[in-house]
Amino acid sequence: MFTSDHKFKNTDLVYSITVNDLQNEAASCLGRTLTTNEIIVIQDLLSDGIGETISFIYDAIFSELPNRL
């Protein structure tokens, strides 16, 4: 997380999901680790899912933003 004195660059990541994150979720949900092919499929599914819903995510974020300041 960033602190309030951070100077943002346009290339700074705001959120990311690592392979380790995926593996932890897979262990919890599936009881096993993911294969390379499964991770590739998940990349595509995340891209499709986030791409289709990003406007809803932004709407929710910007609606909540004033309540968090």
C-alpha atoms as a PDB file:
ATOM      1  CA  MET A   1       0.000   0.000   0.000  1.00  0.00           C
ATOM      2  CA  PHE A   2       1.044   3.545  -0.619  1.00  0.00           C
ATOM      3  CA  THR A   3       1.303   6.247   2.012  1.00  0.00           C
ATOM      4  CA  SER A   4      -0.191   9.730   1.617  1.00  0.00           C
ATOM      5  CA  ASP A   5       3.232  11.218   0.847  1.00  0.00           C
ATOM      6  CA  HIS A   6       3.847   8.875  -2.107  1.00  0.00           C
ATOM      7  CA  LYS A   7       4.458  10.603  -5.437  1.00  0.00           C
ATOM      8  CA  PHE A   8       2.545   8.546  -7.998  1.00  0.00           C
ATOM      9  CA  LYS A   9       3.827   7.838 -11.472  1.00  0.00           C
ATOM     10  CA  ASN A  10       1.393   6.916 -14.233  1.00  0.00           C
ATOM     11  CA  THR A  11       3.026   3.484 -14.385  1.00  0.00           C
ATOM     12  CA  ASP A  12       2.542   2.625 -10.676  1.00  0.00           C
ATOM     13  CA  LEU A  13       0.432  -0.470 -10.104  1.00  0.00           C
ATOM     14  CA  VAL A  14      -2.629   0.076  -7.949  1.00  0.00           C
ATOM     15  CA  TYR A  15      -3.619  -3.577  -7.577  1.00  0.00           C
ATOM     16  CA  SER A  16      -2.178  -6.885  -8.685  1.00  0.00           C
ATOM     17  CA  ILE A  17      -2.840 -10.590  -8.379  1.00  0.00           C
ATOM     18  CA  THR A  18       0.263 -12.746  -8.187  1.00  0.00           C
ATOM     19  CA  VAL A  19       0.675 -16.411  -9.032  1.00  0.00           C
ATOM     20  CA  ASN A  20       1.184 -16.931  -5.312  1.00  0.00           C
ATOM     21  CA  ASP A  21      -2.247 -15.329  -4.699  1.00  0.00           C
ATOM     22  CA  LEU A  22      -3.786 -17.725  -7.219  1.00  0.00           C
ATOM     23  CA  GLN A  23      -2.009 -20.720  -5.706  1.00  0.00           C
ATOM     24  CA  ASN A  24      -3.210 -19.806  -2.205  1.00  0.00           C
ATOM     25  CA  GLU A  25      -6.804 -19.519  -3.419  1.00  0.00           C
ATOM     26  CA  ALA A  26      -6.489 -22.786  -5.340  1.00  0.00           C
ATOM     27  CA  ALA A  27      -5.177 -24.545  -2.238  1.00  0.00           C
ATOM     28  CA  SER A  28      -8.142 -23.223  -0.276  1.00  0.00           C
ATOM     29  CA  CYS A  29     -10.804 -23.890  -2.930  1.00  0.00           C
ATOM     30  CA  LEU A  30      -9.417 -26.934  -4.741  1.00  0.00           C
ATOM     31  CA  GLY A  31      -7.109 -28.447  -2.174  1.00  0.00           C
ATOM     32  CA  ARG A  32      -4.196 -28.389  -4.606  1.00  0.00           C
ATOM     33  CA  THR A  33      -1.890 -26.119  -6.580  1.00  0.00           C
ATOM     34  CA  LEU A  34      -2.568 -25.012 -10.130  1.00  0.00           C
ATOM     35  CA  THR A  35      -0.795 -26.225 -13.237  1.00  0.00           C
ATOM     36  CA  THR A  36       0.834 -23.827 -15.677  1.00  0.00           C
ATOM     37  CA  ASN A  37      -2.001 -24.409 -18.145  1.00  0.00           C
ATOM     38  CA  GLU A  38      -4.592 -23.626 -15.472  1.00  0.00           C
ATOM     39  CA  ILE A  39      -2.824 -20.369 -14.633  1.00  0.00           C
ATOM     40  CA  ILE A  40      -2.861 -19.400 -18.315  1.00  0.00           C
ATOM     41  CA  VAL A  41      -6.613 -20.081 -18.479  1.00  0.00           C
ATOM     42  CA  ILE A  42      -7.148 -18.081 -15.279  1.00  0.00           C
ATOM     43  CA  GLN A  43      -5.251 -15.148 -16.814  1.00  0.00           C
ATOM     44  CA  ASP A  44      -7.681 -15.170 -19.724  1.00  0.00           C
ATOM     45  CA  LEU A  45     -10.711 -15.537 -17.462  1.00  0.00           C
ATOM     46  CA  LEU A  46      -9.580 -12.683 -15.213  1.00  0.00           C
ATOM     47  CA  SER A  47      -8.922 -10.479 -18.218  1.00  0.00           C
ATOM     48  CA  ASP A  48     -12.358 -11.231 -19.669  1.00  0.00           C
ATOM     49  CA  GLY A  49     -14.147 -10.878 -16.344  1.00  0.00           C
ATOM     50  CA  ILE A  50     -12.448  -7.686 -15.285  1.00  0.00           C
ATOM     51  CA  GLY A  51     -12.712  -6.220 -18.776  1.00  0.00           C
ATOM     52  CA  GLU A  52     -16.472  -6.729 -18.835  1.00  0.00           C
ATOM     53  CA  THR A  53     -17.092  -5.418 -15.323  1.00  0.00           C
ATOM     54  CA  ILE A  54     -14.474  -2.702 -14.852  1.00  0.00           C
ATOM     55  CA  SER A  55     -17.018   0.102 -15.305  1.00  0.00           C
ATOM     56  CA  PHE A  56     -19.120  -1.346 -12.441  1.00  0.00           C
ATOM     57  CA  ILE A  57     -16.011  -1.658 -10.292  1.00  0.00           C
ATOM     58  CA  TYR A  58     -15.051   1.970 -10.985  1.00  0.00           C
ATOM     59  CA  ASP A  59     -18.616   3.143 -10.246  1.00  0.00           C
ATOM     60  CA  ALA A  60     -18.555   1.357  -6.888  1.00  0.00           C
ATOM     61  CA  ILE A  61     -15.095   2.708  -6.043  1.00  0.00           C
ATOM     62  CA  PHE A  62     -15.913   6.308  -6.934  1.00  0.00           C
ATOM     63  CA  SER A  63     -19.242   6.130  -5.079  1.00  0.00           C
ATOM     64  CA  GLU A  64     -17.483   4.915  -1.922  1.00  0.00           C
ATOM     65  CA  LEU A  65     -14.486   7.256  -2.224  1.00  0.00           C
ATOM     66  CA  PRO A  66     -16.067  10.286  -0.467  1.00  0.00           C
ATOM     67  CA  ASN A  67     -16.967   8.070   2.501  1.00  0.00           C
ATOM     68  CA  ARG A  68     -13.340   7.029   2.950  1.00  0.00           C
ATOM     69  CA  LEU A  69     -11.773  10.476   2.915  1.00  0.00           C
END
